[in-house]
């Protein structure tokens, strides 16, 4: 598999996501988090942005070959029911490593979620492993 480092820096146009009360409740139940504010659907659990799906230009992967390598989140404030976020994703880096089954490509993808006033609500960083 040939690595294409020219994709570093590519950024998606902003995708709009509404944080819905029911979605918060379902997500909290799915991860087994019984925190009262999550269970009531008022505030979203920290990993809730994993539900925001949008493509990154230049990164089209066969999902059968994708492994989740990790995620990090930094919040300026909690995500709340009713928030409408504008999320932009960016390819920060890509590199190869040799694994026991051969070469693997690592993609580092950042995201930034802004509210309607342009204020940053959260930033995230995801590691995608492609084998």
Protein backbone atom coordinates (compact mmCIF):
# COMPACT_ATOMS: atom_id res chain seq x y z
CA UNK A 1 0.00 0.00 0.00
CA UNK A 2 1.52 3.31 -1.08
CA UNK A 3 1.20 6.19 1.32
CA UNK A 4 0.09 9.52 -0.15
CA UNK A 5 1.38 12.28 2.12
CA UNK A 6 -0.08 14.94 -0.19
CA UNK A 7 -3.38 14.52 1.69
CA UNK A 8 -1.90 16.09 4.83
CA UNK A 9 -3.64 19.40 5.42
CA UNK A 10 -6.80 18.56 3.51
CA UNK A 11 -9.84 19.85 5.30
CA UNK A 12 -13.54 19.16 5.02
CA UNK A 13 -16.09 21.90 4.58
CA UNK A 14 -18.04 22.44 7.81
CA UNK A 15 -20.74 19.82 8.40
CA UNK A 16 -23.67 20.79 10.61
CA UNK A 17 -24.83 18.54 13.46
CA UNK A 18 -27.58 19.11 15.99
CA UNK A 19 -27.05 17.63 19.44
CA UNK A 20 -30.43 16.02 20.20
CA UNK A 21 -31.71 15.03 23.62
CA UNK A 22 -32.79 11.55 22.48
CA UNK A 23 -29.45 10.92 20.78
CA UNK A 24 -27.63 11.84 24.00
CA UNK A 25 -29.79 9.42 26.01
CA UNK A 26 -29.31 6.60 23.51
CA UNK A 27 -25.56 7.15 23.33
CA UNK A 28 -25.22 7.23 27.14
CA UNK A 29 -27.22 4.01 27.40
CA UNK A 30 -25.13 2.35 24.68
CA UNK A 31 -21.86 3.09 26.50
CA UNK A 32 -23.36 2.21 29.89
CA UNK A 33 -22.91 5.67 31.41
CA UNK A 34 -25.65 6.39 33.94
CA UNK A 35 -24.54 9.94 34.79
CA UNK A 36 -27.88 11.71 35.51
CA UNK A 37 -27.29 14.64 33.12
CA UNK A 38 -26.48 12.17 30.33
CA UNK A 39 -29.42 9.88 31.13
CA UNK A 40 -31.79 12.86 31.00
CA UNK A 41 -30.30 13.94 27.67
CA UNK A 42 -29.19 17.35 28.92
CA UNK A 43 -25.42 17.11 28.49
CA UNK A 44 -23.59 14.80 26.09
CA UNK A 45 -20.93 12.33 27.25
CA UNK A 46 -17.37 13.36 26.32
CA UNK A 47 -17.09 10.85 23.46
CA UNK A 48 -20.42 11.88 21.87
CA UNK A 49 -18.74 13.57 18.86
CA UNK A 50 -17.85 10.09 17.56
CA UNK A 51 -21.44 10.12 16.28
CA UNK A 52 -20.69 13.09 14.00
CA UNK A 53 -19.84 11.53 10.65
CA UNK A 54 -18.49 13.55 7.77
CA UNK A 55 -15.99 12.72 5.02
CA UNK A 56 -12.49 14.13 4.82
CA UNK A 57 -11.42 15.00 1.25
CA UNK A 58 -8.77 12.58 0.03
CA UNK A 59 -9.40 9.93 2.70
CA UNK A 60 -11.55 7.16 1.21
CA UNK A 61 -10.89 3.93 3.09
CA UNK A 62 -12.31 0.42 2.89
CA UNK A 63 -13.92 0.19 6.34
CA UNK A 64 -13.22 -3.55 6.51
CA UNK A 65 -9.52 -2.66 6.82
CA UNK A 66 -9.87 0.13 9.39
CA UNK A 67 -8.93 -0.15 13.06
CA UNK A 68 -9.65 2.44 15.71
CA UNK A 69 -6.34 3.67 17.12
CA UNK A 70 -7.61 6.16 19.69
CA UNK A 71 -9.28 9.48 20.31
CA UNK A 72 -8.62 12.57 22.37
CA UNK A 73 -11.06 15.39 23.20
CA UNK A 74 -10.57 18.88 24.58
CA UNK A 75 -13.66 20.87 25.53
CA UNK A 76 -14.20 24.57 26.04
CA UNK A 77 -17.63 23.75 27.44
CA UNK A 78 -19.93 20.71 27.58
CA UNK A 79 -22.05 19.72 24.59
CA UNK A 80 -25.69 20.38 25.44
CA UNK A 81 -28.97 19.25 23.94
CA UNK A 82 -30.00 21.81 21.34
CA UNK A 83 -26.45 22.78 20.35
CA UNK A 84 -25.92 23.12 16.62
CA UNK A 85 -22.29 22.51 15.76
CA UNK A 86 -20.30 23.24 12.64
CA UNK A 87 -17.63 20.54 12.49
CA UNK A 88 -14.54 20.73 10.31
CA UNK A 89 -12.19 17.75 9.97
CA UNK A 90 -8.56 17.92 8.85
CA UNK A 91 -5.89 15.35 8.04
CA UNK A 92 -2.98 16.24 10.30
CA UNK A 93 -0.56 13.46 9.48
CA UNK A 94 -0.12 10.03 7.89
CA UNK A 95 2.70 7.56 8.23
CA UNK A 96 3.47 3.85 7.98
CA UNK A 97 4.57 1.35 10.60
CA UNK A 98 5.46 -2.30 10.27
CA UNK A 99 3.15 -4.64 12.23
CA UNK A 100 3.13 -8.38 12.74
CA UNK A 101 0.84 -8.72 9.70
CA UNK A 102 2.70 -6.23 7.50
CA UNK A 103 2.64 -2.52 6.88
CA UNK A 104 -0.07 -0.38 8.42
CA UNK A 105 -0.88 3.23 7.58
CA UNK A 106 -1.77 5.60 10.42
CA UNK A 107 -3.93 8.65 9.75
CA UNK A 108 -4.22 11.41 12.33
CA UNK A 109 -7.46 13.36 11.83
CA UNK A 110 -8.41 16.40 13.88
CA UNK A 111 -11.85 17.93 14.23
CA UNK A 112 -13.12 21.22 15.57
CA UNK A 113 -16.73 21.85 16.55
CA UNK A 114 -17.95 25.45 16.65
CA UNK A 115 -21.30 26.76 17.79
CA UNK A 116 -23.46 29.14 15.76
CA UNK A 117 -21.51 32.13 17.09
CA UNK A 118 -18.23 30.68 15.83
CA UNK A 119 -17.04 29.80 19.34
CA UNK A 120 -15.06 26.59 19.62
CA UNK A 121 -16.89 24.01 21.73
CA UNK A 122 -14.49 21.09 21.31
CA UNK A 123 -11.43 19.84 19.49
CA UNK A 124 -10.64 16.21 18.86
CA UNK A 125 -7.87 14.08 17.45
CA UNK A 126 -8.45 10.59 16.07
CA UNK A 127 -5.95 7.94 15.05
CA UNK A 128 -7.12 5.66 12.24
CA UNK A 129 -5.10 2.54 11.49
CA UNK A 130 -5.44 1.15 7.97
CA UNK A 131 -4.18 -2.37 7.39
